[in-house]
PDB file of all heavy atoms in Angstrom:
ATOM      1  N   LYS A   1       0.863  -1.167   0.000  1.00  0.00           N
ATOM      2  CA  LYS A   1       0.000   0.000   0.000  1.00  0.00           C
ATOM      3  C   LYS A   1       0.905   1.225   0.000  1.00  0.00           C
ATOM      4  O   LYS A   1       1.701   1.419   0.908  1.00  0.00           O
ATOM      5  CB  LYS A   1      -0.921   0.005   1.217  1.00  0.00           C
ATOM      6  CG  LYS A   1      -1.942   1.131   1.206  1.00  0.00           C
ATOM      7  CD  LYS A   1      -2.881   1.047   2.406  1.00  0.00           C
ATOM      8  CE  LYS A   1      -3.910   2.158   2.376  1.00  0.00           C
ATOM      9  NZ  LYS A   1      -4.827   2.097   3.546  1.00  0.00           N
ATOM     10  N   VAL A   2       0.782   2.054  -1.042  1.00  0.00           N
ATOM     11  CA  VAL A   2       1.776   3.093  -1.292  1.00  0.00           C
ATOM     12  C   VAL A   2       1.119   4.472  -1.250  1.00  0.00           C
ATOM     13  O   VAL A   2       0.086   4.701  -1.888  1.00  0.00           O
ATOM     14  CB  VAL A   2       2.455   2.889  -2.662  1.00  0.00           C
ATOM     15  CG1 VAL A   2       3.604   3.873  -2.835  1.00  0.00           C
ATOM     16  CG2 VAL A   2       2.952   1.451  -2.806  1.00  0.00           C
ATOM     17  N   GLU A   3       1.736   5.370  -0.518  1.00  0.00           N
ATOM     18  CA  GLU A   3       1.326   6.775  -0.506  1.00  0.00           C
ATOM     19  C   GLU A   3       2.239   7.544  -1.460  1.00  0.00           C
ATOM     20  O   GLU A   3       3.448   7.613  -1.245  1.00  0.00           O
ATOM     21  CB  GLU A   3       1.423   7.345   0.905  1.00  0.00           C
ATOM     22  CG  GLU A   3       0.881   8.758   1.034  1.00  0.00           C
ATOM     23  CD  GLU A   3       0.925   9.263   2.463  1.00  0.00           C
ATOM     24  OE1 GLU A   3      -0.027   8.984   3.211  1.00  0.00           O
ATOM     25  OE2 GLU A   3       1.927   9.922   2.820  1.00  0.00           O
ATOM     26  N   VAL A   4       1.641   8.110  -2.506  1.00  0.00           N
ATOM     27  CA  VAL A   4       2.405   8.792  -3.557  1.00  0.00           C
ATOM     28  C   VAL A   4       2.122  10.291  -3.461  1.00  0.00           C
ATOM     29  O   VAL A   4       0.966  10.713  -3.484  1.00  0.00           O
ATOM     30  CB  VAL A   4       2.037   8.262  -4.944  1.00  0.00           C
ATOM     31  CG1 VAL A   4       2.996   8.821  -5.995  1.00  0.00           C
ATOM     32  CG2 VAL A   4       2.064   6.733  -4.974  1.00  0.00           C
ATOM     33  N   THR A   5       3.180  11.085  -3.376  1.00  0.00           N
ATOM     34  CA  THR A   5       3.043  12.530  -3.196  1.00  0.00           C
ATOM     35  C   THR A   5       3.834  13.267  -4.267  1.00  0.00           C
ATOM     36  O   THR A   5       4.989  12.923  -4.541  1.00  0.00           O
ATOM     37  CB  THR A   5       3.552  12.958  -1.812  1.00  0.00           C
ATOM     38  OG1 THR A   5       2.871  12.217  -0.797  1.00  0.00           O
ATOM     39  CG2 THR A   5       3.318  14.444  -1.585  1.00  0.00           C
ATOM     40  N   MET A   6       3.204  14.282  -4.859  1.00  0.00           N
ATOM     41  CA  MET A   6       3.900  15.184  -5.773  1.00  0.00           C
ATOM     42  C   MET A   6       4.132  16.504  -5.044  1.00  0.00           C
ATOM     43  O   MET A   6       3.191  17.134  -4.555  1.00  0.00           O
ATOM     44  CB  MET A   6       3.104  15.421  -7.057  1.00  0.00           C
ATOM     45  CG  MET A   6       3.763  16.421  -8.003  1.00  0.00           C
ATOM     46  SD  MET A   6       2.857  16.664  -9.569  1.00  0.00           S
ATOM     47  CE  MET A   6       3.270  15.116 -10.415  1.00  0.00           C
ATOM     48  N   ASP A   7       5.399  16.915  -4.968  1.00  0.00           N
ATOM     49  CA  ASP A   7       5.725  18.172  -4.285  1.00  0.00           C
ATOM     50  C   ASP A   7       5.170  19.365  -5.047  1.00  0.00           C
ATOM     51  O   ASP A   7       5.146  19.378  -6.287  1.00  0.00           O
ATOM     52  CB  ASP A   7       7.245  18.320  -4.152  1.00  0.00           C
ATOM     53  CG  ASP A   7       7.828  17.413  -3.081  1.00  0.00           C
ATOM     54  OD1 ASP A   7       7.081  16.545  -2.578  1.00  0.00           O
ATOM     55  OD2 ASP A   7       9.013  17.567  -2.769  1.00  0.00           O
ATOM     56  N   ARG A   8       4.758  20.380  -4.305  1.00  0.00           N
ATOM     57  CA  ARG A   8       4.290  21.613  -4.927  1.00  0.00           C
ATOM     58  C   ARG A   8       5.475  22.423  -5.435  1.00  0.00           C
ATOM     59  O   ARG A   8       6.592  22.322  -4.919  1.00  0.00           O
ATOM     60  CB  ARG A   8       3.481  22.437  -3.926  1.00  0.00           C
ATOM     61  CG  ARG A   8       2.230  21.704  -3.424  1.00  0.00           C
ATOM     62  CD  ARG A   8       1.447  22.548  -2.443  1.00  0.00           C
ATOM     63  NE  ARG A   8       0.302  21.797  -1.914  1.00  0.00           N
ATOM     64  CZ  ARG A   8      -0.884  21.742  -2.506  1.00  0.00           C
ATOM     65  NH1 ARG A   8      -1.085  22.410  -3.643  1.00  0.00           N
ATOM     66  NH2 ARG A   8      -1.871  21.034  -1.972  1.00  0.00           N
ATOM     67  N   ALA A   9       5.231  23.249  -6.455  1.00  0.00           N
ATOM     68  CA  ALA A   9       6.258  24.127  -7.012  1.00  0.00           C
ATOM     69  C   ALA A   9       5.588  25.399  -7.521  1.00  0.00           C
ATOM     70  O   ALA A   9       4.384  25.413  -7.792  1.00  0.00           O
ATOM     71  CB  ALA A   9       7.028  23.431  -8.130  1.00  0.00           C
ATOM     72  N   ASP A  10       6.378  26.463  -7.672  1.00  0.00           N
ATOM     73  CA  ASP A  10       5.814  27.753  -8.080  1.00  0.00           C
ATOM     74  C   ASP A  10       5.280  27.739  -9.510  1.00  0.00           C
ATOM     75  O   ASP A  10       4.358  28.495  -9.828  1.00  0.00           O
ATOM     76  CB  ASP A  10       6.878  28.849  -7.953  1.00  0.00           C
ATOM     77  CG  ASP A  10       7.266  29.113  -6.502  1.00  0.00           C
ATOM     78  OD1 ASP A  10       6.452  28.783  -5.612  1.00  0.00           O
ATOM     79  OD2 ASP A  10       8.374  29.627  -6.266  1.00  0.00           O
ATOM     80  N   TRP A  11       5.843  26.881 -10.359  1.00  0.00           N
ATOM     81  CA  TRP A  11       5.517  26.982 -11.785  1.00  0.00           C
ATOM     82  C   TRP A  11       4.247  26.226 -12.181  1.00  0.00           C
ATOM     83  O   TRP A  11       3.797  26.337 -13.321  1.00  0.00           O
ATOM     84  CB  TRP A  11       6.701  26.508 -12.630  1.00  0.00           C
ATOM     85  CG  TRP A  11       7.093  25.069 -12.437  1.00  0.00           C
ATOM     86  CD1 TRP A  11       8.003  24.591 -11.556  1.00  0.00           C
ATOM     87  CD2 TRP A  11       6.591  23.934 -13.131  1.00  0.00           C
ATOM     88  NE1 TRP A  11       8.101  23.225 -11.653  1.00  0.00           N
ATOM     89  CE2 TRP A  11       7.255  22.798 -12.620  1.00  0.00           C
ATOM     90  CE3 TRP A  11       5.657  23.757 -14.151  1.00  0.00           C
ATOM     91  CZ2 TRP A  11       6.994  21.512 -13.082  1.00  0.00           C
ATOM     92  CZ3 TRP A  11       5.397  22.482 -14.611  1.00  0.00           C
ATOM     93  CH2 TRP A  11       6.064  21.381 -14.083  1.00  0.00           C
ATOM     94  N   PHE A  12       3.660  25.440 -11.288  1.00  0.00           N
ATOM     95  CA  PHE A  12       2.408  24.751 -11.620  1.00  0.00           C
ATOM     96  C   PHE A  12       1.488  24.738 -10.413  1.00  0.00           C
ATOM     97  O   PHE A  12       1.898  24.961  -9.269  1.00  0.00           O
ATOM     98  CB  PHE A  12       2.669  23.328 -12.130  1.00  0.00           C
ATOM     99  CG  PHE A  12       3.087  22.345 -11.056  1.00  0.00           C
ATOM    100  CD1 PHE A  12       2.139  21.630 -10.333  1.00  0.00           C
ATOM    101  CD2 PHE A  12       4.431  22.120 -10.786  1.00  0.00           C
ATOM    102  CE1 PHE A  12       2.517  20.720  -9.352  1.00  0.00           C
ATOM    103  CE2 PHE A  12       4.825  21.217  -9.811  1.00  0.00           C
ATOM    104  CZ  PHE A  12       3.858  20.520  -9.085  1.00  0.00           C
ATOM    105  N   ALA A  13       0.201  24.476 -10.683  1.00  0.00           N
ATOM    106  CA  ALA A  13      -0.804  24.383  -9.623  1.00  0.00           C
ATOM    107  C   ALA A  13      -1.662  23.157  -9.897  1.00  0.00           C
ATOM    108  O   ALA A  13      -1.951  22.830 -11.059  1.00  0.00           O
ATOM    109  CB  ALA A  13      -1.669  25.643  -9.573  1.00  0.00           C
ATOM    110  N   PHE A  14      -2.079  22.468  -8.851  1.00  0.00           N
ATOM    111  CA  PHE A  14      -2.925  21.295  -9.016  1.00  0.00           C
ATOM    112  C   PHE A  14      -4.334  21.722  -9.454  1.00  0.00           C
ATOM    113  O   PHE A  14      -4.864  22.740  -8.996  1.00  0.00           O
ATOM    114  CB  PHE A  14      -2.997  20.490  -7.719  1.00  0.00           C
ATOM    115  CG  PHE A  14      -1.685  19.838  -7.360  1.00  0.00           C
ATOM    116  CD1 PHE A  14      -0.882  20.378  -6.369  1.00  0.00           C
ATOM    117  CD2 PHE A  14      -1.260  18.701  -8.028  1.00  0.00           C
ATOM    118  CE1 PHE A  14       0.327  19.788  -6.045  1.00  0.00           C
ATOM    119  CE2 PHE A  14      -0.055  18.100  -7.706  1.00  0.00           C
ATOM    120  CZ  PHE A  14       0.743  18.646  -6.718  1.00  0.00           C
ATOM    121  N   ILE A  15      -4.926  20.930 -10.347  1.00  0.00           N
ATOM    122  CA  ILE A  15      -6.237  21.264 -10.892  1.00  0.00           C
ATOM    123  C   ILE A  15      -7.303  21.187  -9.811  1.00  0.00           C
ATOM    124  O   ILE A  15      -8.196  22.038  -9.732  1.00  0.00           O
ATOM    125  CB  ILE A  15      -6.577  20.330 -12.070  1.00  0.00           C
ATOM    126  CG1 ILE A  15      -5.567  20.536 -13.211  1.00  0.00           C
ATOM    127  CG2 ILE A  15      -8.002  20.576 -12.568  1.00  0.00           C
ATOM    128  CD1 ILE A  15      -5.746  19.570 -14.365  1.00  0.00           C
ATOM    129  N   GLU A  16      -7.208  20.184  -8.959  1.00  0.00           N
ATOM    130  CA  GLU A  16      -8.172  20.016  -7.868  1.00  0.00           C
ATOM    131  C   GLU A  16      -7.470  20.211  -6.529  1.00  0.00           C
ATOM    132  O   GLU A  16      -6.291  19.892  -6.396  1.00  0.00           O
ATOM    133  CB  GLU A  16      -8.802  18.617  -7.912  1.00  0.00           C
ATOM    134  CG  GLU A  16      -9.573  18.323  -9.191  1.00  0.00           C
ATOM    135  CD  GLU A  16     -10.104  16.905  -9.215  1.00  0.00           C
ATOM    136  OE1 GLU A  16      -9.908  16.189  -8.208  1.00  0.00           O
ATOM    137  OE2 GLU A  16     -10.696  16.513 -10.233  1.00  0.00           O
ATOM    138  N   PRO A  17      -8.182  20.750  -5.525  1.00  0.00           N
ATOM    139  CA  PRO A  17      -7.575  20.915  -4.193  1.00  0.00           C
ATOM    140  C   PRO A  17      -7.149  19.555  -3.621  1.00  0.00           C
ATOM    141  O   PRO A  17      -7.788  18.538  -3.846  1.00  0.00           O
ATOM    142  CB  PRO A  17      -8.704  21.544  -3.364  1.00  0.00           C
ATOM    143  CG  PRO A  17      -9.645  22.149  -4.361  1.00  0.00           C
ATOM    144  CD  PRO A  17      -9.555  21.289  -5.589  1.00  0.00           C
ATOM    145  N   ASN A  18      -6.080  19.575  -2.879  1.00  0.00           N
ATOM    146  CA  ASN A  18      -5.572  18.366  -2.206  1.00  0.00           C
ATOM    147  C   ASN A  18      -5.280  17.230  -3.178  1.00  0.00           C
ATOM    148  O   ASN A  18      -5.450  16.055  -2.855  1.00  0.00           O
ATOM    149  CB  ASN A  18      -6.566  17.897  -1.133  1.00  0.00           C
ATOM    150  CG  ASN A  18      -6.857  18.964  -0.100  1.00  0.00           C
ATOM    151  OD1 ASN A  18      -5.958  19.684   0.323  1.00  0.00           O
ATOM    152  ND2 ASN A  18      -8.127  19.082   0.285  1.00  0.00           N
ATOM    153  N   GLN A  19      -4.862  17.591  -4.399  1.00  0.00           N
ATOM    154  CA  GLN A  19      -4.555  16.568  -5.398  1.00  0.00           C
ATOM    155  C   GLN A  19      -3.079  16.191  -5.399  1.00  0.00           C
ATOM    156  O   GLN A  19      -2.623  15.448  -6.253  1.00  0.00           O
ATOM    157  CB  GLN A  19      -4.962  17.052  -6.796  1.00  0.00           C
ATOM    158  CG  GLN A  19      -5.130  15.929  -7.807  1.00  0.00           C
ATOM    159  CD  GLN A  19      -5.644  16.434  -9.143  1.00  0.00           C
ATOM    160  OE1 GLN A  19      -5.630  17.621  -9.434  1.00  0.00           O
ATOM    161  NE2 GLN A  19      -6.109  15.512  -9.971  1.00  0.00           N
ATOM    162  N   SER A  20      -2.330  16.663  -4.427  1.00  0.00           N
ATOM    163  CA  SER A  20      -0.902  16.390  -4.385  1.00  0.00           C
ATOM    164  C   SER A  20      -0.578  15.015  -3.808  1.00  0.00           C
ATOM    165  O   SER A  20       0.570  14.599  -3.822  1.00  0.00           O
ATOM    166  CB  SER A  20      -0.181  17.463  -3.557  1.00  0.00           C
ATOM    167  OG  SER A  20      -0.641  17.436  -2.215  1.00  0.00           O
ATOM    168  N   ARG A  21      -1.596  14.295  -3.301  1.00  0.00           N
ATOM    169  CA  ARG A  21      -1.333  13.000  -2.658  1.00  0.00           C
ATOM    170  C   ARG A  21      -2.332  11.956  -3.146  1.00  0.00           C
ATOM    171  O   ARG A  21      -3.523  12.211  -3.271  1.00  0.00           O
ATOM    172  CB  ARG A  21      -1.416  13.153  -1.140  1.00  0.00           C
ATOM    173  CG  ARG A  21      -1.088  11.886  -0.356  1.00  0.00           C
ATOM    174  CD  ARG A  21      -0.976  12.191   1.112  1.00  0.00           C
ATOM    175  NE  ARG A  21       0.127  13.133   1.372  1.00  0.00           N
ATOM    176  CZ  ARG A  21       0.406  13.620   2.565  1.00  0.00           C
ATOM    177  NH1 ARG A  21      -0.311  13.275   3.611  1.00  0.00           N
ATOM    178  NH2 ARG A  21       1.412  14.458   2.725  1.00  0.00           N
ATOM    179  N   ARG A  22      -1.795  10.777  -3.434  1.00  0.00           N
ATOM    180  CA  ARG A  22      -2.611   9.653  -3.886  1.00  0.00           C
ATOM    181  C   ARG A  22      -2.185   8.397  -3.127  1.00  0.00           C
ATOM    182  O   ARG A  22      -1.032   8.264  -2.717  1.00  0.00           O
ATOM    183  CB  ARG A  22      -2.449   9.412  -5.399  1.00  0.00           C
ATOM    184  CG  ARG A  22      -3.026  10.533  -6.261  1.00  0.00           C
ATOM    185  CD  ARG A  22      -4.537  10.393  -6.302  1.00  0.00           C
ATOM    186  NE  ARG A  22      -5.145  11.338  -7.202  1.00  0.00           N
ATOM    187  CZ  ARG A  22      -5.664  12.490  -6.841  1.00  0.00           C
ATOM    188  NH1 ARG A  22      -5.586  12.873  -5.572  1.00  0.00           N
ATOM    189  NH2 ARG A  22      -6.252  13.283  -7.711  1.00  0.00           N
ATOM    190  N   THR A  23      -3.118   7.467  -2.962  1.00  0.00           N
ATOM    191  CA  THR A  23      -2.814   6.179  -2.340  1.00  0.00           C
ATOM    192  C   THR A  23      -3.201   5.069  -3.303  1.00  0.00           C
ATOM    193  O   THR A  23      -4.329   5.047  -3.821  1.00  0.00           O
ATOM    194  CB  THR A  23      -3.576   6.001  -1.011  1.00  0.00           C
ATOM    195  OG1 THR A  23      -3.205   7.050  -0.109  1.00  0.00           O
ATOM    196  CG2 THR A  23      -3.232   4.663  -0.374  1.00  0.00           C
ATOM    197  N   VAL A  24      -2.254   4.178  -3.579  1.00  0.00           N
ATOM    198  CA  VAL A  24      -2.499   3.061  -4.496  1.00  0.00           C
ATOM    199  C   VAL A  24      -2.033   1.766  -3.843  1.00  0.00           C
ATOM    200  O   VAL A  24      -1.133   1.776  -2.987  1.00  0.00           O
ATOM    201  CB  VAL A  24      -1.778   3.248  -5.852  1.00  0.00           C
ATOM    202  CG1 VAL A  24      -2.328   4.451  -6.597  1.00  0.00           C
ATOM    203  CG2 VAL A  24      -0.268   3.393  -5.651  1.00  0.00           C
TER     204      VAL A  24
END
């Protein structure tokens, strides 16, 4: 069970709120 996180950066924004973390 894996928690996958994309770090935030100034040059992009996530389309949906709290979309920086996924669990698969």
